[in-house]
Every structure is written in structure tokens, then in C-alpha cells.
Amino acid sequence: MNFPSDLKYTKDHEWVRVEGTTAIIGITDFAQKELGDIVYVDITTIGETVAQNEIFGTVEAVKTVSDLFMPVSGKVLEMNKDIDNAPESVNTDPYGNGWLIKATIENLAELDNLLNADAYKALIGA
């Protein structure tokens, strides 16, 4: 499994790439493997401000539907339009083309509540 060291991680298996005051958010390699083949991503919060740890959407796999939790409080700016036509990119490239949303970061201090790659690996027993 892949755990890029430049990302922050949540205990709920989302990742965050920080670019200034924007967060690019997706699900981890571990999460996509646990879910199986992803067939649909539903983001209903575009344009809304979502608090840290609140649900911002769902991801649907062949065998289950899973909630997506906001890693940091912020306004959801956009959804990755490419995953509408190719949701499997969440499986094949979870840290690249399979990103889910971009959001503003309202409180940079909330990033301190997230895990680094080593802490995330320890959490999942990798």
C-alpha cells in the first residue's frame, strides 16, 4: 500500500493535500482496498461549509456505501468531475486522478488533529 508522506490522514481514512488555504481531499489506498470496486461517488455539499468530521458525501462500492468525513472545516469548492465518468480512478489512483473534492481550509490549526503517514500506518497496522 501507498502512504505519501506529504499528505495528512484521518482516522476515517480520508487524506488531505494542503495547497495554501485549499485542501484537496480523497480516500486512502487502504480505504479503497477495503471498499472494493468503487462505482459511484456522491458529493451533495458543493458550495456548502462543512465542519471538521461532518459528512460531505458518500462513496458507493459494489458491496457497500460509505460516508465521507470532512478532514478540516471548510467550504466545498468543487468535486472532481472526472470521477463521474470514471469512478474506478478512486481505486486505481486514489492519491492522484482519484481525488474527490477541493475545499477551503477555514482553520489551519485543525490540520494538527490529523495524522502523518507513520501515524496512519500504525492506525491500520501496516
C-alpha atoms as a PDB file:
ATOM      1  CA  MET A   1       0.000   0.000   0.000  1.00  0.00           C
ATOM      2  CA  ASN A   2       0.995   3.552  -0.633  1.00  0.00           C
ATOM      3  CA  PHE A   3       1.222   6.241   2.100  1.00  0.00           C
ATOM      4  CA  PRO A   4       2.553   9.521   0.651  1.00  0.00           C
ATOM      5  CA  SER A   5       4.436  11.404   3.357  1.00  0.00           C
ATOM      6  CA  ASP A   6       3.332  14.825   2.097  1.00  0.00           C
ATOM      7  CA  LEU A   7      -0.316  14.147   2.996  1.00  0.00           C
ATOM      8  CA  LYS A   8      -2.306  14.307   6.226  1.00  0.00           C
ATOM      9  CA  TYR A   9      -4.687  11.454   7.108  1.00  0.00           C
ATOM     10  CA  THR A  10      -7.838  10.961   9.166  1.00  0.00           C
ATOM     11  CA  LYS A  11      -8.836   8.030  11.351  1.00  0.00           C
ATOM     12  CA  ASP A  12     -11.787   7.651   8.944  1.00  0.00           C
ATOM     13  CA  HIS A  13      -9.374   7.012   6.026  1.00  0.00           C
ATOM     14  CA  GLU A  14      -9.514  10.313   4.149  1.00  0.00           C
ATOM     15  CA  TRP A  15      -6.362  12.104   3.037  1.00  0.00           C
ATOM     16  CA  VAL A  16      -5.634  15.817   2.641  1.00  0.00           C
ATOM     17  CA  ARG A  17      -3.122  17.559   0.391  1.00  0.00           C
ATOM     18  CA  VAL A  18      -2.684  21.170   1.508  1.00  0.00           C
ATOM     19  CA  GLU A  19      -2.065  23.802  -1.172  1.00  0.00           C
ATOM     20  CA  GLY A  20      -2.039  27.174   0.590  1.00  0.00           C
ATOM     21  CA  THR A  21      -5.520  27.524   2.094  1.00  0.00           C
ATOM     22  CA  THR A  22      -7.039  24.870  -0.170  1.00  0.00           C
ATOM     23  CA  ALA A  23      -7.407  21.212   0.744  1.00  0.00           C
ATOM     24  CA  ILE A  24      -7.559  18.506  -1.890  1.00  0.00           C
ATOM     25  CA  ILE A  25      -9.314  15.539  -0.292  1.00  0.00           C
ATOM     26  CA  GLY A  26      -9.695  11.877  -1.194  1.00  0.00           C
ATOM     27  CA  ILE A  27      -9.823   8.427   0.367  1.00  0.00           C
ATOM     28  CA  THR A  28      -6.730   6.432   1.191  1.00  0.00           C
ATOM     29  CA  ASP A  29      -5.302   3.449  -0.639  1.00  0.00           C
ATOM     30  CA  PHE A  30      -6.283   1.346   2.393  1.00  0.00           C
ATOM     31  CA  ALA A  31      -9.905   2.586   2.242  1.00  0.00           C
ATOM     32  CA  GLN A  32     -10.329   1.892  -1.469  1.00  0.00           C
ATOM     33  CA  LYS A  33      -8.952  -1.632  -0.993  1.00  0.00           C
ATOM     34  CA  GLU A  34     -11.369  -2.258   1.896  1.00  0.00           C
ATOM     35  CA  LEU A  35     -14.341  -0.907  -0.081  1.00  0.00           C
ATOM     36  CA  GLY A  36     -13.604  -2.812  -3.270  1.00  0.00           C
ATOM     37  CA  ASP A  37     -14.630  -1.631  -6.728  1.00  0.00           C
ATOM     38  CA  ILE A  38     -15.971   1.924  -6.493  1.00  0.00           C
ATOM     39  CA  VAL A  39     -18.948   2.525  -8.760  1.00  0.00           C
ATOM     40  CA  TYR A  40     -20.228   5.954  -7.706  1.00  0.00           C
ATOM     41  CA  VAL A  41     -19.234   8.996  -5.655  1.00  0.00           C
ATOM     42  CA  ASP A  42     -21.994  11.303  -4.383  1.00  0.00           C
ATOM     43  CA  ILE A  43     -20.962  14.768  -3.202  1.00  0.00           C
ATOM     44  CA  THR A  44     -24.000  16.839  -2.199  1.00  0.00           C
ATOM     45  CA  THR A  45     -22.209  19.629  -0.342  1.00  0.00           C
ATOM     46  CA  ILE A  46     -20.666  21.704  -3.165  1.00  0.00           C
ATOM     47  CA  GLY A  47     -20.843  25.369  -2.161  1.00  0.00           C
ATOM     48  CA  GLU A  48     -21.561  24.497   1.474  1.00  0.00           C
ATOM     49  CA  THR A  49     -19.351  24.931   4.518  1.00  0.00           C
ATOM     50  CA  VAL A  50     -18.832  21.602   6.258  1.00  0.00           C
ATOM     51  CA  ALA A  51     -17.362  21.272   9.759  1.00  0.00           C
ATOM     52  CA  GLN A  52     -14.436  19.006  10.541  1.00  0.00           C
ATOM     53  CA  ASN A  53     -15.589  15.362  10.974  1.00  0.00           C
ATOM     54  CA  GLU A  54     -19.011  16.031   9.400  1.00  0.00           C
ATOM     55  CA  ILE A  55     -20.208  14.078   6.340  1.00  0.00           C
ATOM     56  CA  PHE A  56     -19.529  15.729   2.975  1.00  0.00           C
ATOM     57  CA  GLY A  57     -20.676  12.888   0.717  1.00  0.00           C
ATOM     58  CA  THR A  58     -20.695   9.144   0.140  1.00  0.00           C
ATOM     59  CA  VAL A  59     -18.763   6.642  -1.903  1.00  0.00           C
ATOM     60  CA  GLU A  60     -20.543   3.599  -3.275  1.00  0.00           C
ATOM     61  CA  ALA A  61     -18.740   0.355  -3.945  1.00  0.00           C
ATOM     62  CA  VAL A  62     -20.130  -2.885  -5.318  1.00  0.00           C
ATOM     63  CA  LYS A  63     -20.688  -4.249  -1.813  1.00  0.00           C
ATOM     64  CA  THR A  64     -21.289  -1.168   0.375  1.00  0.00           C
ATOM     65  CA  VAL A  65     -21.887   2.567   0.711  1.00  0.00           C
ATOM     66  CA  SER A  66     -19.576   4.553   2.977  1.00  0.00           C
ATOM     67  CA  ASP A  67     -19.834   8.092   4.333  1.00  0.00           C
ATOM     68  CA  LEU A  68     -17.059  10.577   3.604  1.00  0.00           C
ATOM     69  CA  PHE A  69     -15.974  12.754   6.538  1.00  0.00           C
ATOM     70  CA  MET A  70     -14.524  16.242   6.193  1.00  0.00           C
ATOM     71  CA  PRO A  71     -10.910  16.274   7.462  1.00  0.00           C
ATOM     72  CA  VAL A  72     -10.909  20.047   8.086  1.00  0.00           C
ATOM     73  CA  SER A  73     -13.672  22.621   8.304  1.00  0.00           C
ATOM     74  CA  GLY A  74     -14.173  24.486   5.061  1.00  0.00           C
ATOM     75  CA  LYS A  75     -16.298  25.332   2.066  1.00  0.00           C
ATOM     76  CA  VAL A  76     -16.536  22.606  -0.569  1.00  0.00           C
ATOM     77  CA  LEU A  77     -15.378  24.336  -3.749  1.00  0.00           C
ATOM     78  CA  GLU A  78     -15.580  21.583  -6.321  1.00  0.00           C
ATOM     79  CA  MET A  79     -15.879  17.880  -6.959  1.00  0.00           C
ATOM     80  CA  ASN A  80     -13.530  16.007  -9.258  1.00  0.00           C
ATOM     81  CA  LYS A  81     -15.669  15.878 -12.411  1.00  0.00           C
ATOM     82  CA  ASP A  82     -13.575  13.035 -13.860  1.00  0.00           C
ATOM     83  CA  ILE A  83     -14.825  10.557 -11.250  1.00  0.00           C
ATOM     84  CA  ASP A  84     -18.398  10.909 -12.534  1.00  0.00           C
ATOM     85  CA  ASN A  85     -17.350   9.107 -15.715  1.00  0.00           C
ATOM     86  CA  ALA A  86     -14.522   7.066 -14.213  1.00  0.00           C
ATOM     87  CA  PRO A  87     -15.206   6.296 -10.521  1.00  0.00           C
ATOM     88  CA  GLU A  88     -12.712   3.442 -10.779  1.00  0.00           C
ATOM     89  CA  SER A  89      -9.942   6.089 -10.718  1.00  0.00           C
ATOM     90  CA  VAL A  90     -10.534   6.240  -6.941  1.00  0.00           C
ATOM     91  CA  ASN A  91      -9.334   2.610  -6.901  1.00  0.00           C
ATOM     92  CA  THR A  92      -6.539   2.889  -9.447  1.00  0.00           C
ATOM     93  CA  ASP A  93      -5.089   6.273  -8.431  1.00  0.00           C
ATOM     94  CA  PRO A  94      -6.503   7.304  -5.021  1.00  0.00           C
ATOM     95  CA  TYR A  95      -3.847   9.997  -4.411  1.00  0.00           C
ATOM     96  CA  GLY A  96      -3.824  11.388  -7.937  1.00  0.00           C
ATOM     97  CA  ASN A  97      -6.637  11.323 -10.502  1.00  0.00           C
ATOM     98  CA  GLY A  98      -8.968   9.769  -7.916  1.00  0.00           C
ATOM     99  CA  TRP A  99      -9.156  12.830  -5.641  1.00  0.00           C
ATOM    100  CA  LEU A 100     -12.712  13.682  -4.561  1.00  0.00           C
ATOM    101  CA  ILE A 101     -13.099  17.363  -3.623  1.00  0.00           C
ATOM    102  CA  LYS A 102     -11.316  20.662  -3.184  1.00  0.00           C
ATOM    103  CA  ALA A 103     -12.276  22.803  -0.200  1.00  0.00           C
ATOM    104  CA  THR A 104     -11.113  25.929   1.571  1.00  0.00           C
ATOM    105  CA  ILE A 105      -9.404  25.433   4.916  1.00  0.00           C
ATOM    106  CA  GLU A 106     -11.151  27.638   7.473  1.00  0.00           C
ATOM    107  CA  ASN A 107      -8.873  26.833  10.381  1.00  0.00           C
ATOM    108  CA  LEU A 108      -5.295  25.753   9.633  1.00  0.00           C
ATOM    109  CA  ALA A 109      -4.907  24.625  13.264  1.00  0.00           C
ATOM    110  CA  GLU A 110      -7.316  21.743  12.531  1.00  0.00           C
ATOM    111  CA  LEU A 111      -4.574  20.186  10.421  1.00  0.00           C
ATOM    112  CA  ASP A 112      -2.811  19.446  13.711  1.00  0.00           C
ATOM    113  CA  ASN A 113      -5.644  16.996  14.532  1.00  0.00           C
ATOM    114  CA  LEU A 114      -4.748  14.858  11.511  1.00  0.00           C
ATOM    115  CA  LEU A 115      -2.267  12.005  11.273  1.00  0.00           C
ATOM    116  CA  ASN A 116       1.030  11.930   9.422  1.00  0.00           C
ATOM    117  CA  ALA A 117       1.848   8.915   7.219  1.00  0.00           C
ATOM    118  CA  ASP A 118       3.605   6.984  10.021  1.00  0.00           C
ATOM    119  CA  ALA A 119       0.754   7.503  12.484  1.00  0.00           C
ATOM    120  CA  TYR A 120      -1.781   6.449   9.842  1.00  0.00           C
ATOM    121  CA  LYS A 121       0.213   3.308   9.048  1.00  0.00           C
ATOM    122  CA  ALA A 122       0.255   2.474  12.759  1.00  0.00           C
ATOM    123  CA  LEU A 123      -3.507   3.041  12.958  1.00  0.00           C
ATOM    124  CA  ILE A 124      -4.251   0.493  10.223  1.00  0.00           C
ATOM    125  CA  GLY A 125      -1.492  -1.900  11.280  1.00  0.00           C
ATOM    126  CA  ALA A 126       0.613  -1.512   8.147  1.00  0.00           C
END
